Amino acid sequence: MHVDMDAFFVSVELRQRPELKGRPVIVGFPEGRSVVLSASYEARKFGVRSAMPMATAMRMAPTAVVINPRHGLYQEVSAQVMELFNSITDTVEPLSVDEAFLDVAGALRRLGTPLEIGALVRRRVAADLGITASVGIASSKFVAKIASTRCKPDGMLLIERDRTVEYLHTLPVQALWGVGARTLETLQRLGIFTVADVAATPVGVLQKTLGAGGRALHQLSWGIDPRPVTPVRTEKSIGAEETFAVDTFDDDVLTRELLRLSHRVAARLRESHLAGRTLALKIKYSDFSTISRSKSMGAGLDSAGQIYAGAVALLRALGTRPQSVRLIGVRVESLESIETAPLQFSLDRRDDNGRNAEVAGDAIAAKFGAATVVPARLLASRQKKQGPGPR
């Protein structure tokens, strides 16, 4: 089965603001080049969608309530979602913070039929987490994903194995994985508008038009998707990036943003009890060209001070930048458990003091629900983004 939370970020926010239920709500920063992170189904009726520029969304839904995102809170609820999934079956493949594939074949004797298990998942999500989930059940991952999409919000759909092809052939071609805007245009030029049309088209024609993806598309049109649910236990990397409201050459702006991103990444590393040996810097210029630089740090990274120092060194090593910067990001790779990762020892107590302060900040954030301790250098940019006073 594929289980997907409904308008996840919005749903989490509405737990504390129930008076907004039934109203158009958008989660995202309302200024600059920010994009929509989540939209309530009432906002979607105006055409608002995730990843849409916030400026566009606010024009389309001028009466919508805009809520600034709280990523720490969403990560906390996401962990609870995944813990719930793992209590149903030990074969869970997360796709993002709020959705996953679950292979429940081994849980049938213990928990009942697939529909009964799906109903159990939905009841527990609502009772334990205060949000809603949609569940798609099928004999393959691809069809289960289609089922969950088709029964949103707060629904459940079972597509039985012997009716899979019949169901798929009622759908438009864009329901197939891999059919984006460009592929859709190519297929429509061939007179292919539905999944049934794809199934009726010779594989050779699809391969000639779409390359290697043509055969995969033809298999999906017949419901063929043999991929198993593959449990994912460990993240391979943890990173964060930011797109500036205005492209910049300013080193102060770039290094201040690196400091903020370094703290975000370090907090996630410590929360996951991980450390990494490789640090990577990402830069996207105003013409959308992207470069990245990385280096091995030798010891395990999990503190913002270490990450920031390494990221700034990588930035300085780039020399004079040919264009203004649109986006900057930092990522820690080659992750392993903090229990086994080699650590960097120092005789200078100040090196440890920085990390100890960050750990204290983690405890404060865990108790009060938001990261309230930040470096003084970040206070000005934070107040500008959030406005004066508490919210």
Protein backbone atom coordinates (compact mmCIF):
# COMPACT_ATOMS: atom_id res chain seq x y z
CA MET A 1 0.00 0.00 0.00
CA HIS A 2 0.94 3.64 -0.49
CA VAL A 3 0.09 5.90 2.45
CA ASP A 4 0.22 9.66 1.96
CA MET A 5 -0.65 12.38 4.46
CA ASP A 6 -3.15 14.98 3.20
CA ALA A 7 -1.72 18.51 2.81
CA PHE A 8 0.84 17.52 5.43
CA PHE A 9 2.36 20.84 6.54
CA VAL A 10 -1.04 22.56 6.54
CA SER A 11 -2.62 19.69 8.49
CA VAL A 12 0.10 19.86 11.15
CA GLU A 13 -0.42 23.61 11.53
CA LEU A 14 -4.21 23.26 11.81
CA ARG A 15 -3.81 21.06 14.87
CA GLN A 16 -2.91 24.24 16.76
CA ARG A 17 -5.18 26.53 14.74
CA PRO A 18 -8.41 24.57 14.28
CA GLU A 19 -10.33 27.78 13.60
CA LEU A 20 -8.70 27.79 10.13
CA LYS A 21 -10.22 24.45 9.09
CA GLY A 22 -12.35 24.86 5.99
CA ARG A 23 -10.47 28.00 4.91
CA PRO A 24 -7.81 28.39 2.20
CA VAL A 25 -4.43 28.06 3.95
CA ILE A 26 -0.94 28.21 2.46
CA VAL A 27 2.32 27.27 4.19
CA GLY A 28 5.29 29.25 2.86
CA PHE A 29 7.17 32.49 3.35
CA PRO A 30 5.12 35.29 1.75
CA GLU A 31 8.02 37.28 0.32
CA GLY A 32 10.70 37.08 -2.32
CA ARG A 33 11.12 33.97 -4.44
CA SER A 34 9.67 31.61 -1.86
CA VAL A 35 7.46 28.80 -3.09
CA VAL A 36 4.35 27.12 -1.72
CA LEU A 37 5.32 24.25 0.57
CA SER A 38 1.78 23.06 1.24
CA ALA A 39 -1.75 24.20 0.45
CA SER A 40 -5.08 23.21 1.95
CA TYR A 41 -7.63 21.66 -0.37
CA GLU A 42 -9.67 24.86 -0.09
CA ALA A 43 -6.67 26.79 -1.45
CA ARG A 44 -6.20 24.25 -4.22
CA LYS A 45 -9.66 25.10 -5.52
CA PHE A 46 -8.16 28.47 -6.52
CA GLY A 47 -5.41 26.67 -8.46
CA VAL A 48 -2.73 26.89 -5.76
CA ARG A 49 -0.22 24.03 -5.89
CA SER A 50 2.96 23.02 -4.06
CA ALA A 51 6.19 24.46 -5.53
CA MET A 52 4.25 27.36 -7.08
CA PRO A 53 5.82 30.80 -6.45
CA MET A 54 4.23 32.34 -3.36
CA ALA A 55 3.60 35.59 -5.23
CA THR A 56 1.52 33.70 -7.81
CA ALA A 57 -0.34 31.72 -5.16
CA MET A 58 -1.28 34.84 -3.21
CA ARG A 59 -2.64 36.47 -6.35
CA MET A 60 -4.73 33.38 -7.13
CA ALA A 61 -6.04 33.06 -3.56
CA PRO A 62 -5.95 36.57 -2.04
CA THR A 63 -8.10 35.52 0.94
CA ALA A 64 -5.81 32.63 1.91
CA VAL A 65 -4.19 32.58 5.34
CA VAL A 66 -0.40 32.33 4.96
CA ILE A 67 1.55 30.50 7.68
CA ASN A 68 5.33 30.61 7.95
CA PRO A 69 6.77 27.07 7.84
CA ARG A 70 8.17 25.33 10.93
CA HIS A 71 10.46 22.65 9.55
CA GLY A 72 11.51 21.33 12.95
CA LEU A 73 7.91 20.59 13.84
CA TYR A 74 7.27 18.85 10.50
CA GLN A 75 10.34 16.65 10.96
CA GLU A 76 9.10 15.71 14.44
CA VAL A 77 5.67 14.70 13.15
CA SER A 78 7.27 12.91 10.18
CA ALA A 79 9.27 10.75 12.59
CA GLN A 80 6.02 9.86 14.37
CA VAL A 81 4.39 8.97 11.03
CA MET A 82 7.25 6.62 10.12
CA GLU A 83 7.21 5.07 13.60
CA LEU A 84 3.51 4.34 13.15
CA PHE A 85 4.16 2.73 9.76
CA ASN A 86 6.88 0.53 11.23
CA SER A 87 4.49 -0.69 13.91
CA ILE A 88 2.28 -2.07 11.10
CA THR A 89 5.04 -3.77 9.10
CA ASP A 90 8.82 -3.83 9.09
CA THR A 91 8.86 -3.42 5.30
CA VAL A 92 8.48 0.36 4.89
CA GLU A 93 10.00 2.45 2.09
CA PRO A 94 9.74 6.19 2.84
CA LEU A 95 9.37 8.43 -0.22
CA SER A 96 9.34 11.78 1.58
CA VAL A 97 8.55 13.20 5.00
CA ASP A 98 4.86 12.33 4.72
CA GLU A 99 4.47 9.28 2.48
CA ALA A 100 5.73 5.74 2.17
CA PHE A 101 5.16 2.35 0.58
CA LEU A 102 4.22 -0.44 2.99
CA ASP A 103 4.40 -4.12 2.09
CA VAL A 104 1.70 -5.58 4.36
CA ALA A 105 1.68 -9.14 3.00
CA GLY A 106 3.36 -10.38 6.18
CA ALA A 107 0.83 -8.60 8.39
CA LEU A 108 -2.35 -10.12 6.93
CA ARG A 109 -2.63 -12.97 9.42
CA ARG A 110 -1.99 -10.61 12.35
CA LEU A 111 -4.03 -7.57 11.31
CA GLY A 112 -6.62 -8.78 8.80
CA THR A 113 -7.39 -8.01 5.17
CA PRO A 114 -5.65 -5.22 3.23
CA LEU A 115 -8.76 -3.02 3.61
CA GLU A 116 -8.80 -3.65 7.35
CA ILE A 117 -5.11 -2.75 7.60
CA GLY A 118 -5.64 0.38 5.54
CA ALA A 119 -8.53 1.42 7.79
CA LEU A 120 -6.35 0.76 10.85
CA VAL A 121 -3.58 3.00 9.49
CA ARG A 122 -6.02 5.82 8.81
CA ARG A 123 -7.62 5.54 12.27
CA ARG A 124 -4.25 5.60 14.02
CA VAL A 125 -2.98 8.56 11.98
CA ALA A 126 -6.10 10.51 12.92
CA ALA A 127 -6.15 9.44 16.58
CA ASP A 128 -2.42 9.57 17.34
CA LEU A 129 -1.28 12.45 15.13
CA GLY A 130 -4.41 14.55 14.61
CA ILE A 131 -4.08 14.61 10.80
CA THR A 132 -5.54 12.57 7.93
CA ALA A 133 -4.03 10.13 5.44
CA SER A 134 -5.07 8.63 2.11
CA VAL A 135 -4.30 4.97 1.43
CA GLY A 136 -3.94 3.25 -1.94
CA ILE A 137 -3.82 -0.56 -1.99
CA ALA A 138 -2.76 -2.64 -5.00
CA SER A 139 -0.50 -5.47 -6.12
CA SER A 140 2.35 -3.12 -7.14
CA LYS A 141 3.94 0.11 -5.99
CA PHE A 142 3.01 2.03 -9.12
CA VAL A 143 -0.68 1.17 -8.96
CA ALA A 144 -0.85 1.72 -5.18
CA LYS A 145 0.53 5.25 -5.72
CA ILE A 146 -2.13 5.94 -8.35
CA ALA A 147 -4.81 4.64 -5.98
CA SER A 148 -3.79 6.94 -3.10
CA THR A 149 -3.70 9.94 -5.44
CA ARG A 150 -7.16 9.13 -6.81
CA CYS A 151 -8.81 8.83 -3.37
CA LYS A 152 -7.49 12.06 -1.84
CA PRO A 153 -8.22 13.63 0.54
CA ASP A 154 -8.84 11.35 3.50
CA GLY A 155 -9.83 8.30 1.44
CA MET A 156 -8.90 4.71 0.69
CA LEU A 157 -8.97 2.82 -2.60
CA LEU A 158 -8.25 -0.86 -3.27
CA ILE A 159 -7.44 -1.86 -6.85
CA GLU A 160 -7.65 -5.64 -7.01
CA ARG A 161 -4.99 -7.52 -8.93
CA ASP A 162 -7.35 -8.98 -11.56
CA ARG A 163 -8.87 -5.55 -12.26
CA THR A 164 -5.62 -3.60 -12.44
CA VAL A 165 -5.37 -3.34 -16.24
CA GLU A 166 -9.06 -2.54 -16.58
CA TYR A 167 -8.69 0.31 -14.09
CA LEU A 168 -5.45 1.70 -15.57
CA HIS A 169 -6.94 1.83 -19.06
CA THR A 170 -9.58 4.32 -17.89
CA LEU A 171 -6.91 6.88 -16.94
CA PRO A 172 -5.28 9.72 -18.91
CA VAL A 173 -1.73 9.09 -20.05
CA GLN A 174 -0.27 11.61 -17.59
CA ALA A 175 -1.20 9.21 -14.76
CA LEU A 176 1.85 7.12 -15.76
CA TRP A 177 5.14 7.73 -13.98
CA GLY A 178 7.57 9.64 -16.15
CA VAL A 179 4.97 11.48 -18.24
CA GLY A 180 5.72 15.12 -17.62
CA ALA A 181 4.78 18.11 -19.75
CA ARG A 182 7.35 17.43 -22.49
CA THR A 183 6.68 13.69 -22.74
CA LEU A 184 2.93 14.37 -22.73
CA GLU A 185 3.31 16.72 -25.67
CA THR A 186 5.36 14.12 -27.57
CA LEU A 187 2.80 11.38 -26.93
CA GLN A 188 -0.13 13.57 -27.92
CA ARG A 189 1.55 14.29 -31.25
CA LEU A 190 1.39 10.51 -31.82
CA GLY A 191 -2.30 10.47 -30.95
CA ILE A 192 -1.69 8.91 -27.52
CA PHE A 193 -3.97 10.44 -24.87
CA THR A 194 -4.80 7.60 -22.47
CA VAL A 195 -3.06 4.72 -20.73
CA ALA A 196 -5.03 2.40 -23.02
CA ASP A 197 -3.50 4.19 -26.02
CA VAL A 198 -0.01 3.51 -24.65
CA ALA A 199 -0.86 -0.16 -24.13
CA ALA A 200 -2.06 -0.43 -27.73
CA THR A 201 1.07 1.19 -29.18
CA PRO A 202 3.89 -1.15 -30.28
CA VAL A 203 6.89 -1.06 -27.94
CA GLY A 204 9.18 -0.30 -30.88
CA VAL A 205 7.29 2.89 -31.69
CA LEU A 206 7.49 4.06 -28.07
CA GLN A 207 11.21 3.28 -27.88
CA LYS A 208 11.92 5.09 -31.11
CA THR A 209 10.08 8.16 -29.81
CA LEU A 210 11.03 8.12 -26.11
CA GLY A 211 14.23 6.09 -26.02
CA ALA A 212 14.78 3.56 -23.24
CA GLY A 213 11.85 4.99 -21.29
CA GLY A 214 9.43 3.80 -23.97
CA ARG A 215 9.58 0.17 -22.86
CA ALA A 216 9.14 1.09 -19.19
CA LEU A 217 6.11 3.21 -20.07
CA HIS A 218 4.56 0.34 -22.03
CA GLN A 219 5.05 -2.03 -19.08
CA LEU A 220 3.41 0.41 -16.68
CA SER A 221 0.43 0.72 -19.02
CA TRP A 222 -0.15 -3.01 -18.44
CA GLY A 223 0.35 -2.72 -14.68
CA ILE A 224 3.79 -4.36 -14.77
CA ASP A 225 5.94 -3.04 -11.92
CA PRO A 226 7.97 -5.82 -10.24
CA ARG A 227 9.94 -3.53 -7.90
CA PRO A 228 9.73 -4.65 -4.27
CA VAL A 229 9.18 -2.35 -1.33
CA THR A 230 12.74 -1.61 -0.18
CA PRO A 231 13.15 -0.45 3.42
CA VAL A 232 15.29 2.67 3.79
CA ARG A 233 16.97 2.89 7.16
CA THR A 234 19.77 5.42 6.78
CA GLU A 235 20.04 8.75 5.03
CA LYS A 236 23.00 8.99 2.64
CA SER A 237 23.34 12.75 3.08
CA ILE A 238 21.73 15.66 4.88
CA GLY A 239 21.68 19.16 3.44
CA ALA A 240 19.83 22.43 3.10
CA GLU A 241 19.75 25.22 0.54
CA GLU A 242 18.17 28.64 0.07
CA THR A 243 17.16 30.72 -2.96
CA PHE A 244 17.73 34.44 -2.40
CA ALA A 245 14.96 36.96 -2.94
CA VAL A 246 17.47 38.99 -5.00
CA ASP A 247 20.59 37.59 -6.69
CA THR A 248 23.67 38.71 -4.78
CA PHE A 249 27.44 39.19 -5.04
CA ASP A 250 27.69 40.18 -1.36
CA ASP A 251 30.03 37.92 0.64
CA ASP A 252 28.35 38.97 3.90
CA VAL A 253 24.97 37.81 2.61
CA LEU A 254 26.42 34.52 1.35
CA THR A 255 28.35 33.68 4.52
CA ARG A 256 25.43 34.65 6.77
CA GLU A 257 23.20 32.30 4.81
CA LEU A 258 25.83 29.56 5.05
CA LEU A 259 25.82 30.03 8.83
CA ARG A 260 22.04 29.62 8.98
CA LEU A 261 22.10 26.55 6.72
CA SER A 262 24.97 25.03 8.71
CA HIS A 263 22.92 25.22 11.90
CA ARG A 264 19.92 23.65 10.17
CA VAL A 265 22.00 20.77 8.79
CA ALA A 266 23.86 20.21 12.07
CA ALA A 267 20.60 20.03 14.03
CA ARG A 268 19.25 17.38 11.65
CA LEU A 269 22.48 15.38 11.92
CA ARG A 270 22.38 15.35 15.71
CA GLU A 271 18.66 14.56 15.72
CA SER A 272 19.41 11.52 13.52
CA HIS A 273 22.50 10.58 15.61
CA LEU A 274 24.63 10.81 12.48
CA ALA A 275 27.91 12.42 11.48
CA GLY A 276 29.51 12.79 8.07
CA ARG A 277 33.00 12.82 6.61
CA THR A 278 32.38 14.84 3.44
CA LEU A 279 31.21 18.44 3.13
CA ALA A 280 29.72 19.82 -0.10
CA LEU A 281 28.91 23.37 -1.20
CA LYS A 282 26.38 24.16 -3.95
CA ILE A 283 26.12 27.46 -5.84
CA LYS A 284 23.54 28.37 -8.48
CA TYR A 285 24.28 31.53 -10.46
CA SER A 286 21.83 34.02 -11.91
CA ASP A 287 21.84 32.21 -15.28
CA PHE A 288 20.82 28.99 -13.44
CA SER A 289 24.20 27.32 -14.03
CA THR A 290 25.19 25.27 -10.98
CA ILE A 291 28.56 24.31 -9.53
CA SER A 292 29.42 22.21 -6.51
CA ARG A 293 32.60 21.67 -4.54
CA SER A 294 33.30 19.12 -1.84
CA LYS A 295 36.10 17.99 0.41
CA SER A 296 36.78 15.22 2.88
CA MET A 297 36.93 16.47 6.44
CA GLY A 298 38.68 13.44 7.93
CA ALA A 299 36.56 13.44 11.09
CA GLY A 300 32.83 13.17 11.68
CA LEU A 301 30.87 16.40 11.20
CA ASP A 302 27.79 17.16 13.28
CA SER A 303 28.35 20.71 14.55
CA ALA A 304 27.40 23.93 12.81
CA GLY A 305 30.75 25.50 13.62
CA GLN A 306 32.66 22.79 11.76
CA ILE A 307 30.23 22.78 8.84
CA TYR A 308 30.25 26.56 8.54
CA ALA A 309 34.05 26.83 8.63
CA GLY A 310 34.39 24.19 5.93
CA ALA A 311 31.65 25.72 3.75
CA VAL A 312 33.20 29.19 3.95
CA ALA A 313 36.59 27.72 2.98
CA LEU A 314 35.00 26.09 -0.07
CA LEU A 315 33.31 29.37 -0.98
CA ARG A 316 36.56 31.32 -0.68
CA ALA A 317 38.35 28.73 -2.83
CA LEU A 318 36.02 29.54 -5.73
CA GLY A 319 37.71 32.91 -6.06
CA THR A 320 36.03 35.77 -7.91
CA ARG A 321 32.51 34.81 -8.89
CA PRO A 322 31.60 35.45 -12.55
CA GLN A 323 27.94 36.18 -11.77
CA SER A 324 25.64 37.01 -8.91
CA VAL A 325 24.42 34.07 -6.83
CA ARG A 326 20.80 32.92 -6.95
CA LEU A 327 21.00 29.92 -4.58
CA ILE A 328 23.45 28.56 -2.04
CA GLY A 329 23.42 25.23 -0.25
CA VAL A 330 25.48 23.03 2.01
CA ARG A 331 25.38 19.24 2.44
CA VAL A 332 27.10 16.67 4.65
CA GLU A 333 27.70 13.28 3.02
CA SER A 334 29.28 9.88 3.82
CA LEU A 335 27.10 9.57 6.90
CA GLU A 336 27.50 7.05 9.69
CA SER A 337 26.29 6.59 13.23
CA ILE A 338 27.74 9.07 15.71
CA GLU A 339 28.68 6.05 17.82
CA THR A 340 31.18 4.83 15.22
CA ALA A 341 32.15 8.04 13.40
CA PRO A 342 35.69 9.28 14.13
CA LEU A 343 35.59 12.60 15.99
CA GLN A 344 37.94 15.58 15.83
CA PHE A 345 39.65 16.16 19.19
CA SER A 346 41.10 19.53 20.17
CA LEU A 347 43.07 20.98 23.08
CA ASP A 348 41.22 24.30 22.65
CA ARG A 349 38.09 24.29 24.85
CA ARG A 350 36.43 26.84 22.55
CA ASP A 351 36.08 24.13 19.90
CA ASP A 352 33.92 22.07 22.25
CA ASN A 353 32.03 25.05 23.65
CA GLY A 354 30.43 25.78 20.28
CA ARG A 355 29.05 22.26 19.89
CA ASN A 356 27.92 22.18 23.52
CA ALA A 357 25.95 25.38 22.93
CA GLU A 358 24.32 23.80 19.88
CA VAL A 359 23.35 20.72 21.88
CA ALA A 360 21.81 22.98 24.53
CA GLY A 361 19.88 24.71 21.74
CA ASP A 362 18.61 21.30 20.58
CA ALA A 363 17.22 20.65 24.06
CA ILE A 364 15.49 24.04 24.14
CA ALA A 365 13.99 23.43 20.70
CA ALA A 366 12.75 19.99 21.77
CA LYS A 367 11.07 21.44 24.85
CA PHE A 368 9.50 24.55 23.33
CA GLY A 369 8.81 23.32 19.80
CA ALA A 370 10.97 25.80 17.89
CA ALA A 371 14.64 26.70 17.64
CA THR A 372 14.78 29.81 19.82
CA VAL A 373 18.55 29.95 20.22
CA VAL A 374 20.46 31.22 17.18
CA PRO A 375 23.80 32.96 16.59
CA ALA A 376 23.54 36.72 17.11
CA ARG A 377 24.61 37.30 13.52
CA LEU A 378 21.38 35.66 12.33
CA LEU A 379 19.01 37.71 14.48
CA ALA A 380 18.62 40.58 11.99
CA SER A 381 17.74 38.32 9.06
CA ARG A 382 15.38 36.26 11.23
CA GLN A 383 13.48 39.33 12.48
CA LYS A 384 13.21 40.64 8.93
CA LYS A 385 11.67 37.33 7.80
CA GLN A 386 9.33 36.84 10.77
CA GLY A 387 8.52 40.43 11.71
CA PRO A 388 8.79 41.97 15.21
CA GLY A 389 7.59 40.12 18.28
CA PRO A 390 6.40 36.56 18.81
CA ARG A 391 3.82 34.86 16.58
